[in-house]
PDB file of all heavy atoms in Angstrom:
ATOM      1  N   ILE A   1      -6.637  -2.263  -3.790  1.00  0.00           N
ATOM      2  CA  ILE A   1      -5.262  -2.244  -3.277  1.00  0.00           C
ATOM      3  C   ILE A   1      -5.219  -2.854  -1.886  1.00  0.00           C
ATOM      4  O   ILE A   1      -4.363  -3.691  -1.585  1.00  0.00           O
ATOM      5  CB  ILE A   1      -4.684  -0.809  -3.275  1.00  0.00           C
ATOM      6  CG1 ILE A   1      -4.437  -0.347  -4.714  1.00  0.00           C
ATOM      7  CG2 ILE A   1      -3.392  -0.742  -2.462  1.00  0.00           C
ATOM      8  CD1 ILE A   1      -3.970   1.092  -4.840  1.00  0.00           C
ATOM      9  N   ALA A   2      -6.159  -2.459  -1.029  1.00  0.00           N
ATOM     10  CA  ALA A   2      -6.218  -3.000   0.330  1.00  0.00           C
ATOM     11  C   ALA A   2      -6.424  -4.511   0.305  1.00  0.00           C
ATOM     12  O   ALA A   2      -5.781  -5.237   1.072  1.00  0.00           O
ATOM     13  CB  ALA A   2      -7.342  -2.324   1.114  1.00  0.00           C
ATOM     14  N   PHE A   3      -7.295  -4.995  -0.580  1.00  0.00           N
ATOM     15  CA  PHE A   3      -7.531  -6.434  -0.699  1.00  0.00           C
ATOM     16  C   PHE A   3      -6.252  -7.168  -1.101  1.00  0.00           C
ATOM     17  O   PHE A   3      -5.881  -8.174  -0.490  1.00  0.00           O
ATOM     18  CB  PHE A   3      -8.636  -6.743  -1.720  1.00  0.00           C
ATOM     19  CG  PHE A   3      -8.668  -8.194  -2.105  1.00  0.00           C
ATOM     20  CD1 PHE A   3      -9.233  -9.144  -1.260  1.00  0.00           C
ATOM     21  CD2 PHE A   3      -8.094  -8.633  -3.302  1.00  0.00           C
ATOM     22  CE1 PHE A   3      -9.220 -10.497  -1.590  1.00  0.00           C
ATOM     23  CE2 PHE A   3      -8.076  -9.974  -3.642  1.00  0.00           C
ATOM     24  CZ  PHE A   3      -8.649 -10.907  -2.784  1.00  0.00           C
ATOM     25  N   MET A   4      -5.572  -6.678  -2.144  1.00  0.00           N
ATOM     26  CA  MET A   4      -4.377  -7.370  -2.630  1.00  0.00           C
ATOM     27  C   MET A   4      -3.264  -7.371  -1.586  1.00  0.00           C
ATOM     28  O   MET A   4      -2.589  -8.387  -1.402  1.00  0.00           O
ATOM     29  CB  MET A   4      -3.900  -6.753  -3.942  1.00  0.00           C
ATOM     30  CG  MET A   4      -4.822  -7.058  -5.108  1.00  0.00           C
ATOM     31  SD  MET A   4      -4.207  -6.499  -6.707  1.00  0.00           S
ATOM     32  CE  MET A   4      -4.463  -4.737  -6.582  1.00  0.00           C
ATOM     33  N   LEU A   5      -3.063  -6.258  -0.900  1.00  0.00           N
ATOM     34  CA  LEU A   5      -2.046  -6.204   0.155  1.00  0.00           C
ATOM     35  C   LEU A   5      -2.359  -7.198   1.265  1.00  0.00           C
ATOM     36  O   LEU A   5      -1.469  -7.906   1.749  1.00  0.00           O
ATOM     37  CB  LEU A   5      -1.938  -4.790   0.724  1.00  0.00           C
ATOM     38  CG  LEU A   5      -1.284  -3.748  -0.176  1.00  0.00           C
ATOM     39  CD1 LEU A   5      -1.508  -2.351   0.377  1.00  0.00           C
ATOM     40  CD2 LEU A   5       0.201  -4.033  -0.341  1.00  0.00           C
ATOM     41  N   SER A   6      -3.619  -7.267   1.659  1.00  0.00           N
ATOM     42  CA  SER A   6      -4.025  -8.190   2.713  1.00  0.00           C
ATOM     43  C   SER A   6      -3.923  -9.640   2.256  1.00  0.00           C
ATOM     44  O   SER A   6      -3.380 -10.493   2.961  1.00  0.00           O
ATOM     45  CB  SER A   6      -5.463  -7.878   3.141  1.00  0.00           C
ATOM     46  OG  SER A   6      -5.928  -8.839   4.048  1.00  0.00           O
ATOM     47  N   ASP A   7      -4.439  -9.918   1.069  1.00  0.00           N
ATOM     48  CA  ASP A   7      -4.428 -11.282   0.543  1.00  0.00           C
ATOM     49  C   ASP A   7      -3.007 -11.801   0.359  1.00  0.00           C
ATOM     50  O   ASP A   7      -2.731 -12.977   0.615  1.00  0.00           O
ATOM     51  CB  ASP A   7      -5.189 -11.322  -0.782  1.00  0.00           C
ATOM     52  CG  ASP A   7      -5.409 -12.728  -1.285  1.00  0.00           C
ATOM     53  OD1 ASP A   7      -6.079 -13.513  -0.572  1.00  0.00           O
ATOM     54  OD2 ASP A   7      -4.914 -13.051  -2.387  1.00  0.00           O
ATOM     55  N   ALA A   8      -2.091 -10.940  -0.061  1.00  0.00           N
ATOM     56  CA  ALA A   8      -0.698 -11.337  -0.274  1.00  0.00           C
ATOM     57  C   ALA A   8       0.119 -11.287   1.019  1.00  0.00           C
ATOM     58  O   ALA A   8       1.290 -11.647   1.019  1.00  0.00           O
ATOM     59  CB  ALA A   8      -0.049 -10.436  -1.320  1.00  0.00           C
ATOM     60  N   ALA A   9      -0.489 -10.849   2.105  1.00  0.00           N
ATOM     61  CA  ALA A   9       0.177 -10.716   3.405  1.00  0.00           C
ATOM     62  C   ALA A   9       1.409  -9.813   3.307  1.00  0.00           C
ATOM     63  O   ALA A   9       2.461 -10.107   3.872  1.00  0.00           O
ATOM     64  CB  ALA A   9       0.537 -12.086   3.979  1.00  0.00           C
ATOM     65  N   ALA A  10       1.264  -8.710   2.579  1.00  0.00           N
ATOM     66  CA  ALA A  10       2.372  -7.763   2.427  1.00  0.00           C
ATOM     67  C   ALA A  10       2.620  -7.038   3.744  1.00  0.00           C
ATOM     68  O   ALA A  10       1.691  -6.566   4.387  1.00  0.00           O
ATOM     69  CB  ALA A  10       2.050  -6.756   1.327  1.00  0.00           C
ATOM     70  N   ALA A  11       3.878  -6.967   4.124  1.00  0.00           N
ATOM     71  CA  ALA A  11       4.244  -6.311   5.378  1.00  0.00           C
ATOM     72  C   ALA A  11       4.494  -4.828   5.189  1.00  0.00           C
ATOM     73  O   ALA A  11       4.349  -4.049   6.119  1.00  0.00           O
ATOM     74  CB  ALA A  11       5.491  -6.972   5.950  1.00  0.00           C
ATOM     75  N   LEU A  12       4.900  -4.451   3.972  1.00  0.00           N
ATOM     76  CA  LEU A  12       5.256  -3.067   3.686  1.00  0.00           C
ATOM     77  C   LEU A  12       4.699  -2.660   2.334  1.00  0.00           C
ATOM     78  O   LEU A  12       4.402  -3.512   1.500  1.00  0.00           O
ATOM     79  CB  LEU A  12       6.782  -2.900   3.621  1.00  0.00           C
ATOM     80  CG  LEU A  12       7.600  -3.211   4.852  1.00  0.00           C
ATOM     81  CD1 LEU A  12       9.079  -3.224   4.505  1.00  0.00           C
ATOM     82  CD2 LEU A  12       7.339  -2.194   5.936  1.00  0.00           C
ATOM     83  N   LEU A  13       4.628  -1.356   2.128  1.00  0.00           N
ATOM     84  CA  LEU A  13       4.232  -0.804   0.844  1.00  0.00           C
ATOM     85  C   LEU A  13       5.184   0.326   0.505  1.00  0.00           C
ATOM     86  O   LEU A  13       5.314   1.282   1.262  1.00  0.00           O
ATOM     87  CB  LEU A  13       2.795  -0.275   0.901  1.00  0.00           C
ATOM     88  CG  LEU A  13       2.293   0.445  -0.344  1.00  0.00           C
ATOM     89  CD1 LEU A  13       2.236  -0.498  -1.540  1.00  0.00           C
ATOM     90  CD2 LEU A  13       0.923   1.055  -0.090  1.00  0.00           C
ATOM     91  N   LEU A  14       5.878   0.196  -0.631  1.00  0.00           N
ATOM     92  CA  LEU A  14       6.739   1.271  -1.119  1.00  0.00           C
ATOM     93  C   LEU A  14       5.923   2.153  -2.042  1.00  0.00           C
ATOM     94  O   LEU A  14       5.183   1.663  -2.887  1.00  0.00           O
ATOM     95  CB  LEU A  14       7.927   0.711  -1.902  1.00  0.00           C
ATOM     96  CG  LEU A  14       8.902  -0.193  -1.172  1.00  0.00           C
ATOM     97  CD1 LEU A  14      10.072  -0.544  -2.090  1.00  0.00           C
ATOM     98  CD2 LEU A  14       9.389   0.432   0.105  1.00  0.00           C
ATOM     99  N   THR A  15       6.077   3.454  -1.881  1.00  0.00           N
ATOM    100  CA  THR A  15       5.350   4.393  -2.719  1.00  0.00           C
ATOM    101  C   THR A  15       6.157   5.671  -2.863  1.00  0.00           C
ATOM    102  O   THR A  15       7.328   5.727  -2.479  1.00  0.00           O
ATOM    103  CB  THR A  15       3.932   4.651  -2.155  1.00  0.00           C
ATOM    104  OG1 THR A  15       3.178   5.368  -3.119  1.00  0.00           O
ATOM    105  CG2 THR A  15       3.962   5.370  -0.833  1.00  0.00           C
ATOM    106  N   GLN A  16       5.528   6.698  -3.410  1.00  0.00           N
ATOM    107  CA  GLN A  16       6.134   8.016  -3.591  1.00  0.00           C
ATOM    108  C   GLN A  16       5.276   9.044  -2.858  1.00  0.00           C
ATOM    109  O   GLN A  16       4.092   8.809  -2.611  1.00  0.00           O
ATOM    110  CB  GLN A  16       6.171   8.375  -5.079  1.00  0.00           C
ATOM    111  CG  GLN A  16       6.999   7.429  -5.904  1.00  0.00           C
ATOM    112  CD  GLN A  16       6.597   7.478  -7.362  1.00  0.00           C
ATOM    113  OE1 GLN A  16       5.437   7.294  -7.689  1.00  0.00           O
ATOM    114  NE2 GLN A  16       7.559   7.704  -8.241  1.00  0.00           N
ATOM    115  N   ALA A  17       5.868  10.173  -2.555  1.00  0.00           N
ATOM    116  CA  ALA A  17       5.151  11.216  -1.826  1.00  0.00           C
ATOM    117  C   ALA A  17       3.861  11.610  -2.532  1.00  0.00           C
ATOM    118  O   ALA A  17       2.837  11.829  -1.883  1.00  0.00           O
ATOM    119  CB  ALA A  17       6.052  12.435  -1.636  1.00  0.00           C
ATOM    120  N   GLN A  18       3.870  11.680  -3.859  1.00  0.00           N
ATOM    121  CA  GLN A  18       2.673  12.085  -4.608  1.00  0.00           C
ATOM    122  C   GLN A  18       1.534  11.086  -4.479  1.00  0.00           C
ATOM    123  O   GLN A  18       0.381  11.422  -4.701  1.00  0.00           O
ATOM    124  CB  GLN A  18       3.011  12.292  -6.081  1.00  0.00           C
ATOM    125  CG  GLN A  18       3.418  11.022  -6.801  1.00  0.00           C
ATOM    126  CD  GLN A  18       3.895  11.279  -8.219  1.00  0.00           C
ATOM    127  OE1 GLN A  18       4.267  12.386  -8.571  1.00  0.00           O
ATOM    128  NE2 GLN A  18       3.891  10.250  -9.039  1.00  0.00           N
ATOM    129  N   VAL A  19       1.838   9.862  -4.087  1.00  0.00           N
ATOM    130  CA  VAL A  19       0.827   8.814  -3.955  1.00  0.00           C
ATOM    131  C   VAL A  19       0.553   8.507  -2.477  1.00  0.00           C
ATOM    132  O   VAL A  19      -0.515   8.013  -2.116  1.00  0.00           O
ATOM    133  CB  VAL A  19       1.298   7.510  -4.672  1.00  0.00           C
ATOM    134  CG1 VAL A  19       0.267   6.408  -4.575  1.00  0.00           C
ATOM    135  CG2 VAL A  19       1.652   7.789  -6.124  1.00  0.00           C
ATOM    136  N   CYS A  20       1.486   8.835  -1.625  1.00  0.00           N
ATOM    137  CA  CYS A  20       1.478   8.436  -0.216  1.00  0.00           C
ATOM    138  C   CYS A  20       0.209   8.831   0.543  1.00  0.00           C
ATOM    139  O   CYS A  20      -0.344   8.015   1.279  1.00  0.00           O
ATOM    140  CB  CYS A  20       2.707   9.018   0.477  1.00  0.00           C
ATOM    141  SG  CYS A  20       3.090   8.243   2.044  1.00  0.00           S
ATOM    142  N   THR A  21      -0.264  10.036   0.375  1.00  0.00           N
ATOM    143  CA  THR A  21      -1.423  10.490   1.146  1.00  0.00           C
ATOM    144  C   THR A  21      -2.670   9.665   0.821  1.00  0.00           C
ATOM    145  O   THR A  21      -3.494   9.423   1.693  1.00  0.00           O
ATOM    146  CB  THR A  21      -1.713  11.979   0.884  1.00  0.00           C
ATOM    147  OG1 THR A  21      -1.852  12.192  -0.518  1.00  0.00           O
ATOM    148  CG2 THR A  21      -0.596  12.842   1.428  1.00  0.00           C
ATOM    149  N   ARG A  22      -2.781   9.207  -0.415  1.00  0.00           N
ATOM    150  CA  ARG A  22      -3.916   8.397  -0.835  1.00  0.00           C
ATOM    151  C   ARG A  22      -3.903   7.013  -0.187  1.00  0.00           C
ATOM    152  O   ARG A  22      -4.927   6.356  -0.071  1.00  0.00           O
ATOM    153  CB  ARG A  22      -3.869   8.247  -2.361  1.00  0.00           C
ATOM    154  CG  ARG A  22      -5.190   7.996  -2.970  1.00  0.00           C
ATOM    155  CD  ARG A  22      -5.076   7.925  -4.495  1.00  0.00           C
ATOM    156  NE  ARG A  22      -5.911   6.827  -4.884  1.00  0.00           N
ATOM    157  CZ  ARG A  22      -5.494   5.663  -5.321  1.00  0.00           C
ATOM    158  NH1 ARG A  22      -4.237   5.426  -5.483  1.00  0.00           N
ATOM    159  NH2 ARG A  22      -6.342   4.720  -5.623  1.00  0.00           N
ATOM    160  N   LEU A  23      -2.728   6.572   0.240  1.00  0.00           N
ATOM    161  CA  LEU A  23      -2.570   5.213   0.763  1.00  0.00           C
ATOM    162  C   LEU A  23      -2.385   5.168   2.275  1.00  0.00           C
ATOM    163  O   LEU A  23      -2.199   4.101   2.834  1.00  0.00           O
ATOM    164  CB  LEU A  23      -1.364   4.551   0.081  1.00  0.00           C
ATOM    165  CG  LEU A  23      -1.403   4.522  -1.444  1.00  0.00           C
ATOM    166  CD1 LEU A  23      -0.079   4.027  -1.988  1.00  0.00           C
ATOM    167  CD2 LEU A  23      -2.551   3.665  -1.941  1.00  0.00           C
ATOM    168  N   ALA A  24      -2.435   6.314   2.925  1.00  0.00           N
ATOM    169  CA  ALA A  24      -2.137   6.392   4.359  1.00  0.00           C
ATOM    170  C   ALA A  24      -3.067   5.547   5.226  1.00  0.00           C
ATOM    171  O   ALA A  24      -2.667   5.062   6.273  1.00  0.00           O
ATOM    172  CB  ALA A  24      -2.174   7.846   4.812  1.00  0.00           C
TER     173      ALA A  24
END
């Protein structure tokens, strides 16, 4: 996930509370 966000130059990530802590 970190690779794809970086490679795509994503500025934001939308998620849900149940997933949020894993992506903090």
